[in-house]
């Protein structure tokens, strides 16, 4: 192949056509000594399969289980919650104050049986706000049409204080997040006035209470104007409209 390539270049450069009948000397090298040459050697894989002992296998399994538990603990869980509707107009705005909910929780605490610790434990697990017929009821899917206030009670048992809680109200969506602990997003049955909403975290029961006034629905009146005369359109205009 090299000889044929050389013949072609000689013919192009010197305009001489050489005879393709040629022979190659039968020799491995030319000269008295052979020059040293470097050849890249192929190295075998450095990774080898090693048989683990039973003790080593047990250590690896325990490490894997510990990592799985750590990942599960870092996942944000959905907390338990209760949703209430206040059906009447308020005479004052005391329901938005911390003192109102402190007094309400203290009253519920006094009604529990047992010693102080038992009462707090019971109230923490089974907090149920007092309901009045046609005034304050738990949401049942139908009573939200007459609601003036929405009250959301969220259980956050792993929190001691509410500084890490982030609450966001946007029209008919409420979202709550505590990094690495809790995450909650709910769609409300009606839009709320997020600017007038308030929240309160009770450290003893570890409950977050969100109070949001219901936004009145916006009603637009549309008046039809039939006084304008009807103008005839040309064929060109009709074609443009169709397009």
Protein backbone atom coordinates (compact mmCIF):
# COMPACT_ATOMS: atom_id res chain seq x y z
CA UNK A 1 0.00 0.00 0.00
CA UNK A 2 2.85 2.37 0.83
CA UNK A 3 4.63 1.53 -2.43
CA UNK A 4 1.50 2.19 -4.48
CA UNK A 5 0.98 5.49 -2.66
CA UNK A 6 4.59 6.51 -3.39
CA UNK A 7 4.25 5.57 -7.07
CA UNK A 8 1.13 7.74 -7.41
CA UNK A 9 2.84 10.80 -5.88
CA UNK A 10 5.95 10.30 -8.08
CA UNK A 11 3.71 10.12 -11.15
CA UNK A 12 1.89 13.36 -10.13
CA UNK A 13 5.07 15.29 -9.33
CA UNK A 14 7.51 14.12 -12.05
CA UNK A 15 5.03 12.96 -14.72
CA UNK A 16 6.68 9.52 -14.78
CA UNK A 17 4.72 6.32 -14.81
CA UNK A 18 6.59 3.60 -12.91
CA UNK A 19 6.14 -0.11 -13.42
CA UNK A 20 3.87 -1.56 -10.79
CA UNK A 21 5.77 -4.82 -10.92
CA UNK A 22 7.96 -4.45 -7.88
CA UNK A 23 9.34 -6.67 -5.15
CA UNK A 24 10.02 -6.03 -1.46
CA UNK A 25 13.24 -7.30 0.21
CA UNK A 26 12.63 -10.05 2.70
CA UNK A 27 14.16 -8.46 5.79
CA UNK A 28 12.77 -7.50 9.18
CA UNK A 29 15.04 -4.48 9.59
CA UNK A 30 17.88 -2.61 7.90
CA UNK A 31 21.18 -2.19 9.69
CA UNK A 32 23.30 -3.94 12.31
CA UNK A 33 21.23 -3.00 15.37
CA UNK A 34 17.56 -2.62 16.09
CA UNK A 35 16.40 0.65 17.66
CA UNK A 36 14.37 0.53 20.84
CA UNK A 37 10.70 1.42 20.57
CA UNK A 38 8.15 2.23 23.25
CA UNK A 39 4.92 0.27 23.17
CA UNK A 40 1.94 1.23 25.33
CA UNK A 41 1.16 -1.76 27.50
CA UNK A 42 -2.40 -2.74 28.39
CA UNK A 43 -3.04 -2.56 32.12
CA UNK A 44 -5.59 -4.81 33.74
CA UNK A 45 -8.51 -3.50 35.85
CA UNK A 46 -7.65 -2.36 39.35
CA UNK A 47 -11.12 -3.23 40.73
CA UNK A 48 -11.47 -6.79 41.88
CA UNK A 49 -14.38 -8.63 43.38
CA UNK A 50 -13.86 -9.31 47.05
CA UNK A 51 -15.94 -11.70 49.07
CA UNK A 52 -17.36 -10.01 52.19
CA UNK A 53 -17.52 -11.75 55.49
CA UNK A 54 -20.80 -12.06 57.39
CA UNK A 55 -19.68 -9.37 59.85
CA UNK A 56 -18.88 -6.94 57.02
CA UNK A 57 -22.24 -7.63 55.35
CA UNK A 58 -24.05 -6.92 58.62
CA UNK A 59 -22.19 -3.61 59.04
CA UNK A 60 -23.12 -2.54 55.49
CA UNK A 61 -26.79 -3.43 56.03
CA UNK A 62 -26.93 -1.44 59.27
CA UNK A 63 -25.32 1.55 57.54
CA UNK A 64 -27.83 1.33 54.69
CA UNK A 65 -30.77 1.19 57.12
CA UNK A 66 -29.43 4.19 59.03
CA UNK A 67 -29.16 6.19 55.80
CA UNK A 68 -32.73 5.24 54.83
CA UNK A 69 -34.04 6.39 58.23
CA UNK A 70 -32.13 9.66 57.88
CA UNK A 71 -33.66 10.30 54.45
CA UNK A 72 -37.15 9.53 55.75
CA UNK A 73 -36.66 11.86 58.72
CA UNK A 74 -35.68 14.71 56.38
CA UNK A 75 -38.81 14.33 54.25
CA UNK A 76 -41.50 16.92 54.94
CA UNK A 77 -44.67 15.21 56.15
CA UNK A 78 -48.28 16.36 55.80
CA UNK A 79 -49.60 17.40 59.24
CA UNK A 80 -53.11 16.75 60.54
CA UNK A 81 -55.55 19.65 60.30
CA UNK A 82 -59.13 20.74 61.03
CA UNK A 83 -61.17 23.29 59.10
CA UNK A 84 -64.01 25.40 60.54
CA UNK A 85 -66.51 27.94 59.19
CA UNK A 86 -67.76 30.96 61.15
CA UNK A 87 -71.20 31.71 59.75
CA UNK A 88 -72.09 35.06 61.34
CA UNK A 89 -70.72 38.57 61.20
CA UNK A 90 -68.49 39.45 64.14
CA UNK A 91 -69.32 42.34 66.43
CA UNK A 92 -65.62 42.92 67.07
CA UNK A 93 -62.29 41.64 65.78
CA UNK A 94 -61.28 39.78 68.96
CA UNK A 95 -61.14 36.45 67.10
CA UNK A 96 -57.98 37.70 65.36
CA UNK A 97 -56.18 38.35 68.65
CA UNK A 98 -53.82 36.09 70.55
CA UNK A 99 -55.75 36.71 73.78
CA UNK A 100 -58.94 35.26 72.25
CA UNK A 101 -57.33 31.94 71.33
CA UNK A 102 -55.35 31.76 74.57
CA UNK A 103 -58.61 32.07 76.52
CA UNK A 104 -60.35 29.56 74.25
CA UNK A 105 -57.60 26.96 74.70
CA UNK A 106 -57.45 27.57 78.48
CA UNK A 107 -61.21 26.97 78.67
CA UNK A 108 -60.90 23.72 76.73
CA UNK A 109 -58.01 22.73 79.00
CA UNK A 110 -60.12 23.21 82.13
CA UNK A 111 -62.84 20.95 80.74
CA UNK A 112 -60.50 17.96 80.38
CA UNK A 113 -60.24 15.28 83.08
CA UNK A 114 -57.11 14.13 84.89
CA UNK A 115 -54.10 16.03 86.18
CA UNK A 116 -52.48 18.96 84.37
CA UNK A 117 -50.13 16.85 82.24
CA UNK A 118 -52.91 14.45 81.24
CA UNK A 119 -55.16 17.33 80.26
CA UNK A 120 -52.47 18.93 78.10
CA UNK A 121 -51.66 15.59 76.46
CA UNK A 122 -55.33 14.97 75.71
CA UNK A 123 -55.83 18.47 74.35
CA UNK A 124 -52.71 18.20 72.19
CA UNK A 125 -53.88 14.98 70.57
CA UNK A 126 -57.63 15.65 70.40
CA UNK A 127 -58.18 19.39 70.15
CA UNK A 128 -61.75 20.08 69.07
CA UNK A 129 -63.02 23.66 69.09
CA UNK A 130 -66.44 24.28 70.55
CA UNK A 131 -69.12 24.50 67.87
CA UNK A 132 -72.39 26.42 67.98
CA UNK A 133 -75.30 25.62 65.70
CA UNK A 134 -75.52 28.07 62.79
CA UNK A 135 -72.63 30.11 64.26
CA UNK A 136 -69.41 28.10 64.33
CA UNK A 137 -69.25 24.72 62.62
CA UNK A 138 -66.71 22.34 61.21
CA UNK A 139 -66.57 22.41 57.42
CA UNK A 140 -68.88 19.76 55.94
CA UNK A 141 -68.64 20.65 52.25
CA UNK A 142 -71.85 22.71 52.19
CA UNK A 143 -71.71 25.36 54.90
CA UNK A 144 -68.94 27.41 53.27
CA UNK A 145 -71.42 29.46 51.21
CA UNK A 146 -72.59 31.34 54.33
CA UNK A 147 -69.17 31.50 55.99
CA UNK A 148 -67.76 34.85 57.04
CA UNK A 149 -64.50 33.41 58.37
CA UNK A 150 -62.42 30.32 57.71
CA UNK A 151 -60.47 28.89 60.66
CA UNK A 152 -57.74 26.32 60.05
CA UNK A 153 -56.17 24.41 62.95
CA UNK A 154 -52.95 22.55 62.06
CA UNK A 155 -51.19 20.11 64.42
CA UNK A 156 -47.41 20.54 64.55
CA UNK A 157 -46.35 18.22 67.41
CA UNK A 158 -42.61 18.37 66.64
CA UNK A 159 -42.42 22.15 67.10
CA UNK A 160 -41.86 23.97 70.39
CA UNK A 161 -42.11 27.46 68.93
CA UNK A 162 -43.68 28.80 65.77
CA UNK A 163 -40.73 30.80 64.43
CA UNK A 164 -39.91 28.25 61.74
CA UNK A 165 -43.46 28.12 60.36
CA UNK A 166 -44.02 29.80 57.00
CA UNK A 167 -47.66 30.44 56.01
CA UNK A 168 -48.82 31.84 52.69
CA UNK A 169 -52.37 32.72 51.64
CA UNK A 170 -53.15 33.34 48.00
CA UNK A 171 -56.81 33.77 47.01
CA UNK A 172 -58.23 30.28 47.61
CA UNK A 173 -54.98 28.47 48.45
CA UNK A 174 -53.22 28.18 51.79
CA UNK A 175 -49.72 26.71 52.00
CA UNK A 176 -47.70 25.94 55.13
CA UNK A 177 -44.10 24.81 55.38
CA UNK A 178 -41.63 23.96 58.12
CA UNK A 179 -38.26 23.05 56.55
CA UNK A 180 -37.45 19.32 56.83
CA UNK A 181 -40.54 18.70 58.99
CA UNK A 182 -43.93 19.67 57.60
CA UNK A 183 -45.50 20.70 54.32
CA UNK A 184 -49.19 21.40 53.68
CA UNK A 185 -51.07 22.93 50.75
CA UNK A 186 -54.87 23.15 50.72
CA UNK A 187 -57.42 24.56 48.31
CA UNK A 188 -60.08 26.61 50.11
CA UNK A 189 -63.75 26.40 49.10
CA UNK A 190 -63.88 30.20 48.64
CA UNK A 191 -61.44 33.04 48.20
CA UNK A 192 -60.19 34.75 51.35
CA UNK A 193 -58.92 38.21 52.17
CA UNK A 194 -55.26 37.33 52.74
CA UNK A 195 -54.37 40.89 53.80
CA UNK A 196 -56.75 40.69 56.79
CA UNK A 197 -55.82 37.13 57.80
CA UNK A 198 -53.99 36.34 61.04
CA UNK A 199 -52.32 33.32 62.64
CA UNK A 200 -51.44 32.18 66.16
CA UNK A 201 -49.23 29.29 67.36
CA UNK A 202 -50.00 27.81 70.78
CA UNK A 203 -46.81 26.38 72.30
CA UNK A 204 -48.59 24.13 74.82
CA UNK A 205 -50.90 22.31 72.41
CA UNK A 206 -48.49 22.85 69.49
CA UNK A 207 -51.31 23.93 67.22
CA UNK A 208 -51.24 26.63 64.56
CA UNK A 209 -54.52 28.54 64.17
CA UNK A 210 -55.13 30.54 60.99
CA UNK A 211 -58.09 32.94 60.78
CA UNK A 212 -58.97 34.28 57.32
CA UNK A 213 -61.98 36.44 56.42
CA UNK A 214 -63.94 35.17 53.43
CA UNK A 215 -63.74 37.41 50.38
CA UNK A 216 -67.11 38.48 49.06
CA UNK A 217 -67.65 37.26 45.49
CA UNK A 218 -67.23 39.90 42.81
CA UNK A 219 -70.36 40.45 40.75
CA UNK A 220 -70.22 42.33 37.47
CA UNK A 221 -73.34 43.65 35.77
CA UNK A 222 -73.26 43.49 31.99
CA UNK A 223 -75.54 45.80 30.06
CA UNK A 224 -76.37 45.03 26.44
CA UNK A 225 -76.43 48.06 24.15
CA UNK A 226 -78.80 47.53 21.21
CA UNK A 227 -78.98 51.22 20.22
CA UNK A 228 -76.09 51.06 17.75
CA UNK A 229 -77.22 50.50 14.14
CA UNK A 230 -76.11 47.35 12.39
CA UNK A 231 -73.66 48.07 9.58
CA UNK A 232 -73.52 45.83 6.53
CA UNK A 233 -70.14 44.26 5.89
CA UNK A 234 -68.60 43.74 2.49
CA UNK A 235 -67.42 40.40 1.19
CA UNK A 236 -63.79 41.40 1.83
CA UNK A 237 -64.54 42.24 5.47
CA UNK A 238 -66.45 38.97 5.90
CA UNK A 239 -63.44 37.06 4.58
CA UNK A 240 -61.09 38.85 6.96
CA UNK A 241 -63.38 38.10 9.90
CA UNK A 242 -63.59 34.44 8.92
CA UNK A 243 -59.83 34.18 8.75
